[in-house]
């Protein structure tokens, strides 16, 4: 996926990363260093066959893909730039229908350098597609009361994280983060803006003023981040484990070889407690991965409400292939495949991979309103707090 949409982690929860999932079987893949485009294709097809985790629900017929493209790649010359460009087109066609919304195929076969994201390509083709909008640019000016706290933190992967917290109309406690590296920022020995923002937000939660009638967690435009943040943030609103669904991994080299489903819980934090006031999560089409897990978790609360747009639809967990029997892999120096390591099902028994999670109150994006300084999604959330 293009760097802006390159989601790092998802909803695999601490506590289910158990030794039973560790990769302990041999792979049938030779992991050759390909010298021909035919070999690149065959190694890619084989590794997808073994490592891709969504074959049980993906509608792509991978055997038909082999039958169609194997003879085509056999005709290509890796030293012919036009053939390499044609191969790149084939790779894009092959990946076109894959359901994994984390999926990204990086192609680096000179003269081609491409990044193929089927989920992004599909969204770009939708009639209601819109580009991300930076809501905090208007929320901090037109909505948050004077005295809000905000700041930045550069995480261990050199990514800039922004967070802001304050009150709205002196009756709503608001928190937003641009990406998840909250626990890392909070525990950093170096003072930083995200830590200060979290200190303010947590202090408000632990000593909630009587005038606060609702809490808003805003994960719009948030592409995900560190898995530990799911319990670190959502665990502030619970006093007992919160079951949100189930995960499973590949258990062997078979396309449909899976582990049993493992319960996925959010862990309460030491300072966490249950609230009775509404907790409203704001998410949009660009809320993905751990932002979706946060949305799902808050919505699972008895007083949780989801306002906004359907989320991106990238709910599968991401981790290193060396730890599991599936997930990310490379084909020599030519292809790098970024793909989920686990399936996730919500407690309703449904998978939202490639679909996205739908809000209780849908608020379509309105560019004219946003440009005029009106945040329609936040307006709806405010109206729900009495």
Protein backbone atom coordinates (compact mmCIF):
# COMPACT_ATOMS: atom_id res chain seq x y z
CA UNK A 1 0.00 0.00 0.00
CA UNK A 2 1.20 3.50 -0.69
CA UNK A 3 3.14 4.89 2.24
CA UNK A 4 0.29 7.15 3.42
CA UNK A 5 -1.97 4.13 3.74
CA UNK A 6 0.67 1.64 4.88
CA UNK A 7 -0.99 0.26 8.02
CA UNK A 8 1.41 -1.16 10.56
CA UNK A 9 -0.58 -3.27 13.00
CA UNK A 10 -4.14 -4.36 13.62
CA UNK A 11 -6.31 -5.93 16.26
CA UNK A 12 -4.20 -8.86 17.36
CA UNK A 13 -4.35 -8.50 21.14
CA UNK A 14 -1.62 -8.85 23.73
CA UNK A 15 -2.33 -12.06 25.52
CA UNK A 16 -3.27 -14.08 22.45
CA UNK A 17 0.23 -13.95 21.01
CA UNK A 18 0.86 -17.39 22.36
CA UNK A 19 3.52 -19.97 21.66
CA UNK A 20 1.01 -22.27 19.96
CA UNK A 21 0.95 -19.84 17.02
CA UNK A 22 4.70 -19.79 16.56
CA UNK A 23 5.98 -20.96 13.21
CA UNK A 24 7.24 -24.49 13.74
CA UNK A 25 6.52 -26.23 10.44
CA UNK A 26 8.68 -26.31 7.38
CA UNK A 27 7.56 -24.45 4.29
CA UNK A 28 7.33 -26.14 0.90
CA UNK A 29 8.63 -22.94 -0.63
CA UNK A 30 12.21 -23.13 -1.85
CA UNK A 31 12.69 -19.35 -1.35
CA UNK A 32 14.76 -19.31 -4.50
CA UNK A 33 16.56 -16.25 -5.71
CA UNK A 34 14.59 -15.87 -8.95
CA UNK A 35 16.41 -15.12 -12.17
CA UNK A 36 13.41 -15.14 -14.51
CA UNK A 37 9.98 -13.54 -14.39
CA UNK A 38 8.47 -17.02 -14.56
CA UNK A 39 10.33 -17.94 -11.36
CA UNK A 40 9.25 -14.68 -9.70
CA UNK A 41 5.62 -15.45 -10.52
CA UNK A 42 5.78 -19.07 -9.35
CA UNK A 43 7.47 -18.21 -6.04
CA UNK A 44 4.94 -15.42 -5.47
CA UNK A 45 1.99 -17.69 -6.26
CA UNK A 46 3.32 -20.46 -3.99
CA UNK A 47 4.00 -18.17 -1.06
CA UNK A 48 0.59 -16.54 -1.40
CA UNK A 49 -0.91 -20.03 -1.41
CA UNK A 50 0.75 -20.76 1.95
CA UNK A 51 0.94 -17.37 3.70
CA UNK A 52 -2.27 -15.57 2.75
CA UNK A 53 -4.70 -15.92 5.66
CA UNK A 54 -8.03 -15.08 4.03
CA UNK A 55 -8.47 -17.98 1.61
CA UNK A 56 -11.50 -19.20 3.59
CA UNK A 57 -13.45 -16.03 2.74
CA UNK A 58 -11.65 -14.55 -0.28
CA UNK A 59 -13.51 -15.03 -3.56
CA UNK A 60 -10.32 -15.10 -5.65
CA UNK A 61 -9.79 -18.52 -7.28
CA UNK A 62 -6.04 -18.85 -6.77
CA UNK A 63 -5.78 -22.04 -8.82
CA UNK A 64 -7.39 -20.29 -11.78
CA UNK A 65 -4.91 -17.45 -11.32
CA UNK A 66 -2.06 -19.91 -11.73
CA UNK A 67 -3.62 -21.52 -14.79
CA UNK A 68 -4.13 -18.14 -16.45
CA UNK A 69 -0.89 -16.35 -15.62
CA UNK A 70 1.73 -19.10 -15.54
CA UNK A 71 1.91 -19.36 -19.35
CA UNK A 72 1.89 -15.56 -19.67
CA UNK A 73 4.87 -15.13 -17.35
CA UNK A 74 6.69 -17.93 -19.15
CA UNK A 75 6.79 -15.73 -22.24
CA UNK A 76 8.37 -12.74 -20.49
CA UNK A 77 12.04 -11.76 -20.39
CA UNK A 78 13.25 -10.17 -17.14
CA UNK A 79 15.86 -8.22 -19.13
CA UNK A 80 13.25 -6.64 -21.38
CA UNK A 81 11.87 -3.42 -19.81
CA UNK A 82 8.58 -3.75 -21.70
CA UNK A 83 8.13 -7.32 -20.43
CA UNK A 84 8.83 -6.17 -16.87
CA UNK A 85 6.17 -3.47 -17.21
CA UNK A 86 3.76 -6.09 -18.54
CA UNK A 87 4.59 -8.36 -15.58
CA UNK A 88 3.76 -5.49 -13.24
CA UNK A 89 0.38 -5.15 -14.95
CA UNK A 90 -0.20 -8.88 -14.44
CA UNK A 91 0.67 -8.64 -10.74
CA UNK A 92 -1.83 -5.80 -10.36
CA UNK A 93 -4.51 -7.84 -12.11
CA UNK A 94 -3.81 -10.90 -9.97
CA UNK A 95 -4.13 -8.95 -6.73
CA UNK A 96 -7.13 -6.91 -7.84
CA UNK A 97 -9.82 -8.88 -5.96
CA UNK A 98 -7.91 -9.83 -2.79
CA UNK A 99 -10.01 -9.08 0.29
CA UNK A 100 -7.13 -8.26 2.65
CA UNK A 101 -7.30 -4.48 3.05
CA UNK A 102 -3.81 -4.36 4.54
CA UNK A 103 -2.47 -6.05 1.41
CA UNK A 104 0.33 -4.26 -0.42
CA UNK A 105 2.53 -5.69 -3.14
CA UNK A 106 5.78 -3.83 -3.65
CA UNK A 107 7.32 -4.49 -7.07
CA UNK A 108 11.00 -3.60 -7.56
CA UNK A 109 12.04 -5.18 -10.83
CA UNK A 110 13.99 -2.57 -12.81
CA UNK A 111 12.81 -0.37 -14.40
CA UNK A 112 9.56 -0.82 -12.42
CA UNK A 113 9.09 0.40 -8.85
CA UNK A 114 5.43 0.10 -7.93
CA UNK A 115 3.22 -0.25 -4.86
CA UNK A 116 0.00 -2.16 -5.45
CA UNK A 117 -2.87 -1.77 -2.99
CA UNK A 118 -6.07 -3.50 -4.14
CA UNK A 119 -8.18 -1.94 -1.36
CA UNK A 120 -7.03 1.57 -2.21
CA UNK A 121 -7.58 0.97 -5.92
CA UNK A 122 -11.14 -0.17 -5.23
CA UNK A 123 -11.89 2.83 -3.03
CA UNK A 124 -10.55 5.25 -5.63
CA UNK A 125 -13.10 3.85 -8.08
CA UNK A 126 -16.11 4.40 -5.81
CA UNK A 127 -18.48 7.26 -6.62
CA UNK A 128 -18.48 8.46 -3.01
CA UNK A 129 -14.69 8.42 -2.61
CA UNK A 130 -13.19 11.48 -0.98
CA UNK A 131 -9.67 12.32 0.09
CA UNK A 132 -8.85 12.58 3.80
CA UNK A 133 -9.79 15.81 5.54
CA UNK A 134 -7.86 17.15 8.54
CA UNK A 135 -10.75 17.72 10.94
CA UNK A 136 -8.54 18.97 13.76
CA UNK A 137 -7.82 22.07 11.70
CA UNK A 138 -11.40 23.20 12.32
CA UNK A 139 -12.19 21.35 15.56
CA UNK A 140 -9.42 23.06 17.52
CA UNK A 141 -10.62 26.45 16.24
CA UNK A 142 -14.41 26.12 16.19
CA UNK A 143 -15.30 23.39 18.70
CA UNK A 144 -12.83 22.85 21.54
CA UNK A 145 -13.08 25.09 24.57
CA UNK A 146 -10.17 27.33 25.49
CA UNK A 147 -7.43 25.49 27.37
CA UNK A 148 -7.25 22.27 25.34
CA UNK A 149 -3.95 20.38 25.32
CA UNK A 150 -2.20 19.13 22.17
CA UNK A 151 1.21 18.06 21.01
CA UNK A 152 3.40 15.77 18.93
CA UNK A 153 5.63 12.76 19.39
CA UNK A 154 8.03 11.07 16.98
CA UNK A 155 7.71 7.34 17.52
CA UNK A 156 10.33 4.60 17.23
CA UNK A 157 9.63 4.29 13.51
CA UNK A 158 10.25 8.01 12.99
CA UNK A 159 6.57 8.75 12.41
CA UNK A 160 4.99 11.92 13.76
CA UNK A 161 2.03 11.34 16.08
CA UNK A 162 -0.36 14.15 17.01
CA UNK A 163 -2.87 14.14 19.87
CA UNK A 164 -5.31 16.69 21.25
CA UNK A 165 -7.69 16.63 24.21
CA UNK A 166 -10.05 19.15 25.72
CA UNK A 167 -13.70 19.87 26.38
CA UNK A 168 -16.53 20.89 24.07
CA UNK A 169 -19.23 23.21 25.42
CA UNK A 170 -17.92 22.32 28.89
CA UNK A 171 -19.91 19.10 28.79
CA UNK A 172 -17.99 16.72 26.47
CA UNK A 173 -14.48 15.37 27.06
CA UNK A 174 -12.75 14.99 23.67
CA UNK A 175 -9.64 13.04 22.62
CA UNK A 176 -8.09 12.57 19.18
CA UNK A 177 -4.88 10.92 18.00
CA UNK A 178 -3.56 10.83 14.43
CA UNK A 179 -1.93 7.40 14.84
CA UNK A 180 -1.39 4.88 17.60
CA UNK A 181 1.87 5.06 19.52
CA UNK A 182 0.22 6.35 22.67
CA UNK A 183 1.69 3.97 25.24
CA UNK A 184 5.15 4.46 23.77
CA UNK A 185 4.78 8.23 24.01
CA UNK A 186 3.29 8.05 27.52
CA UNK A 187 6.09 5.85 28.83
CA UNK A 188 8.86 7.73 27.06
CA UNK A 189 11.48 9.18 29.44
CA UNK A 190 11.47 12.27 27.23
CA UNK A 191 8.73 14.82 27.80
CA UNK A 192 6.59 15.19 24.67
CA UNK A 193 3.34 16.69 23.51
CA UNK A 194 1.43 13.41 23.25
CA UNK A 195 2.42 12.47 26.81
CA UNK A 196 1.18 15.82 28.12
CA UNK A 197 -2.07 15.40 26.20
CA UNK A 198 -2.60 11.92 27.60
CA UNK A 199 -1.80 13.09 31.13
CA UNK A 200 -4.52 15.71 30.81
CA UNK A 201 -7.03 13.25 29.30
CA UNK A 202 -6.39 10.50 31.85
CA UNK A 203 -6.58 12.96 34.74
CA UNK A 204 -9.96 14.12 33.48
CA UNK A 205 -11.18 10.50 33.19
CA UNK A 206 -10.03 9.63 36.70
CA UNK A 207 -11.53 12.77 38.21
CA UNK A 208 -14.44 13.32 35.84
CA UNK A 209 -16.02 16.72 36.45
CA UNK A 210 -19.76 16.65 37.15
CA UNK A 211 -20.45 18.84 34.11
CA UNK A 212 -19.03 16.23 31.70
CA UNK A 213 -21.97 14.36 30.16
CA UNK A 214 -20.21 12.48 27.37
CA UNK A 215 -16.82 11.35 26.04
CA UNK A 216 -15.74 11.53 22.39
CA UNK A 217 -12.85 9.47 21.01
CA UNK A 218 -11.90 10.64 17.52
CA UNK A 219 -9.95 8.20 15.32
CA UNK A 220 -10.77 9.75 11.96
CA UNK A 221 -7.90 9.61 9.45
CA UNK A 222 -6.06 7.29 11.85
CA UNK A 223 -4.31 4.45 9.94
CA UNK A 224 -3.56 2.32 13.01
CA UNK A 225 -0.38 1.70 14.95
CA UNK A 226 0.94 -0.10 18.00
CA UNK A 227 -1.23 -3.02 19.12
CA UNK A 228 -0.65 -2.28 22.80
CA UNK A 229 -2.65 0.93 22.46
CA UNK A 230 -5.94 -0.94 22.12
CA UNK A 231 -6.00 -1.89 25.80
CA UNK A 232 -4.00 1.18 26.81
CA UNK A 233 -6.75 3.50 25.53
CA UNK A 234 -10.00 1.49 25.47
CA UNK A 235 -9.00 -0.22 28.71
CA UNK A 236 -9.54 3.12 30.45
CA UNK A 237 -13.32 2.68 29.99
CA UNK A 238 -13.73 -0.81 31.44
CA UNK A 239 -13.17 -2.60 34.75
CA UNK A 240 -13.31 -6.14 33.37
CA UNK A 241 -12.07 -7.83 30.17
CA UNK A 242 -14.13 -6.79 27.15
CA UNK A 243 -14.73 -9.52 24.59
CA UNK A 244 -14.79 -8.08 21.08
CA UNK A 245 -14.44 -11.16 18.88
CA UNK A 246 -12.13 -13.94 17.77
CA UNK A 247 -8.88 -14.35 15.84
CA UNK A 248 -7.23 -17.27 14.09
CA UNK A 249 -4.01 -17.96 12.20
CA UNK A 250 -2.72 -20.51 9.71
CA UNK A 251 -1.68 -23.76 11.34
CA UNK A 252 0.09 -25.37 8.41
CA UNK A 253 0.97 -25.10 4.74
CA UNK A 254 -2.50 -26.02 3.54
CA UNK A 255 -4.45 -23.17 2.04
CA UNK A 256 -7.25 -23.78 4.56
CA UNK A 257 -5.16 -24.97 7.50
CA UNK A 258 -6.16 -22.79 10.47
CA UNK A 259 -5.77 -22.70 14.22
CA UNK A 260 -8.96 -22.78 16.31
CA UNK A 261 -10.60 -19.40 16.89
CA UNK A 262 -9.08 -17.61 19.90
CA UNK A 263 -11.13 -15.16 21.97
CA UNK A 264 -10.00 -11.55 21.56
CA UNK A 265 -10.40 -9.41 24.68
CA UNK A 266 -9.51 -5.83 25.56
CA UNK A 267 -7.78 -5.72 28.96
CA UNK A 268 -8.86 -3.15 31.57
CA UNK A 269 -6.15 -0.79 32.79
CA UNK A 270 -5.30 -0.28 36.45
CA UNK A 271 -6.83 3.18 36.29
CA UNK A 272 -9.77 2.05 34.17
CA UNK A 273 -13.38 1.98 35.28
CA UNK A 274 -16.80 1.69 33.70
CA UNK A 275 -18.67 4.86 32.76
CA UNK A 276 -22.41 5.32 32.42
CA UNK A 277 -22.30 8.45 30.26
CA UNK A 278 -22.19 8.02 26.45
CA UNK A 279 -18.80 7.17 24.96
CA UNK A 280 -18.89 8.14 21.30
CA UNK A 281 -16.26 7.09 18.78
CA UNK A 282 -15.80 9.09 15.59
CA UNK A 283 -14.36 7.22 12.61
CA UNK A 284 -14.33 7.66 8.84
CA UNK A 285 -13.36 5.90 5.61
CA UNK A 286 -9.69 6.31 6.52
CA UNK A 287 -9.89 4.82 10.00
CA UNK A 288 -8.10 1.53 9.61
CA UNK A 289 -6.39 -1.32 11.39
CA UNK A 290 -6.00 -0.48 15.10
CA UNK A 291 -8.28 2.54 14.63
CA UNK A 292 -10.96 0.09 13.51
CA UNK A 293 -10.25 -2.14 16.50
CA UNK A 294 -10.69 0.87 18.75
CA UNK A 295 -13.94 1.77 17.00
CA UNK A 296 -15.24 -1.78 17.33
CA UNK A 297 -14.19 -1.98 20.99
CA UNK A 298 -15.82 1.28 22.02
CA UNK A 299 -18.96 0.37 20.08
CA UNK A 300 -19.09 -2.93 21.99
CA UNK A 301 -19.45 -1.04 25.28
CA UNK A 302 -23.06 -0.90 26.56
CA UNK A 303 -22.89 2.89 26.31
CA UNK A 304 -20.74 2.98 23.18
CA UNK A 305 -21.92 4.81 20.06
CA UNK A 306 -20.25 5.00 16.63
CA UNK A 307 -20.76 8.13 14.52
CA UNK A 308 -19.25 8.85 11.11
CA UNK A 309 -18.47 6.81 8.02
CA UNK A 310 -17.88 3.12 7.38
CA UNK A 311 -14.26 2.32 8.26
CA UNK A 312 -11.55 1.17 5.84
CA UNK A 313 -12.00 -2.58 6.36
CA UNK A 314 -8.49 -3.70 7.39
CA UNK A 315 -9.20 -5.81 10.48
CA UNK A 316 -6.60 -8.59 10.16
CA UNK A 317 -3.63 -8.63 12.53
CA UNK A 318 -0.11 -7.85 11.32
CA UNK A 319 3.09 -9.37 12.67
CA UNK A 320 6.34 -10.88 11.46
CA UNK A 321 6.14 -13.99 9.26
CA UNK A 322 8.90 -15.60 11.33
CA UNK A 323 6.50 -15.83 14.29
CA UNK A 324 3.54 -17.37 12.47
CA UNK A 325 2.64 -19.69 9.65
CA UNK A 326 1.41 -16.84 7.47
CA UNK A 327 1.73 -13.16 6.73
CA UNK A 328 4.42 -10.99 5.15
CA UNK A 329 7.04 -12.40 2.77
CA UNK A 330 9.49 -11.47 0.03
CA UNK A 331 10.32 -12.94 -3.35
CA UNK A 332 14.03 -12.36 -3.71
CA UNK A 333 14.69 -8.66 -4.12
CA UNK A 334 11.84 -8.31 -6.57
CA UNK A 335 8.60 -8.47 -4.57
CA UNK A 336 7.68 -7.55 -1.00
CA UNK A 337 4.25 -8.65 0.19
CA UNK A 338 2.62 -6.93 3.17
CA UNK A 339 -0.37 -8.99 4.25
CA UNK A 340 -2.31 -9.83 7.40
CA UNK A 341 -1.25 -12.56 9.81
CA UNK A 342 -4.67 -13.35 11.28
CA UNK A 343 -8.37 -13.32 10.54
CA UNK A 344 -10.69 -11.43 12.86
CA UNK A 345 -14.38 -12.00 13.47
CA UNK A 346 -16.48 -9.66 15.56
CA UNK A 347 -18.66 -11.03 18.38
CA UNK A 348 -21.57 -11.04 15.91
CA UNK A 349 -19.74 -13.79 13.99
CA UNK A 350 -19.11 -11.55 10.98
CA UNK A 351 -15.89 -10.58 9.26
CA UNK A 352 -15.62 -6.94 8.24
CA UNK A 353 -12.40 -7.44 6.28
CA UNK A 354 -12.62 -5.62 2.96
CA UNK A 355 -16.02 -4.25 3.98
CA UNK A 356 -15.53 -1.91 6.92
CA UNK A 357 -17.49 -1.42 10.11
CA UNK A 358 -20.68 0.61 9.78
CA UNK A 359 -21.70 3.43 12.16
CA UNK A 360 -24.81 3.72 14.29
CA UNK A 361 -25.24 7.21 12.89
CA UNK A 362 -23.90 7.62 9.37
CA UNK A 363 -22.76 11.10 8.42
CA UNK A 364 -21.62 11.36 4.78
CA UNK A 365 -18.59 13.50 4.03
CA UNK A 366 -19.48 17.04 3.01
CA UNK A 367 -16.51 18.98 1.66
CA UNK A 368 -18.37 22.29 1.43
CA UNK A 369 -19.39 22.09 5.08
CA UNK A 370 -15.88 21.11 6.18
CA UNK A 371 -14.31 23.97 4.22
CA UNK A 372 -16.72 26.36 5.90
CA UNK A 373 -15.56 25.14 9.32
CA UNK A 374 -18.50 22.86 10.10
CA UNK A 375 -17.65 19.33 11.28
CA UNK A 376 -20.89 17.47 10.61
CA UNK A 377 -19.71 14.25 12.26
CA UNK A 378 -18.74 16.03 15.46
CA UNK A 379 -22.01 18.00 15.29
CA UNK A 380 -23.94 14.72 15.35
CA UNK A 381 -21.90 13.43 18.30
CA UNK A 382 -22.56 16.64 20.25
CA UNK A 383 -26.30 16.30 19.59
CA UNK A 384 -26.29 12.86 21.21
CA UNK A 385 -24.98 14.18 24.53
CA UNK A 386 -27.71 15.62 26.73
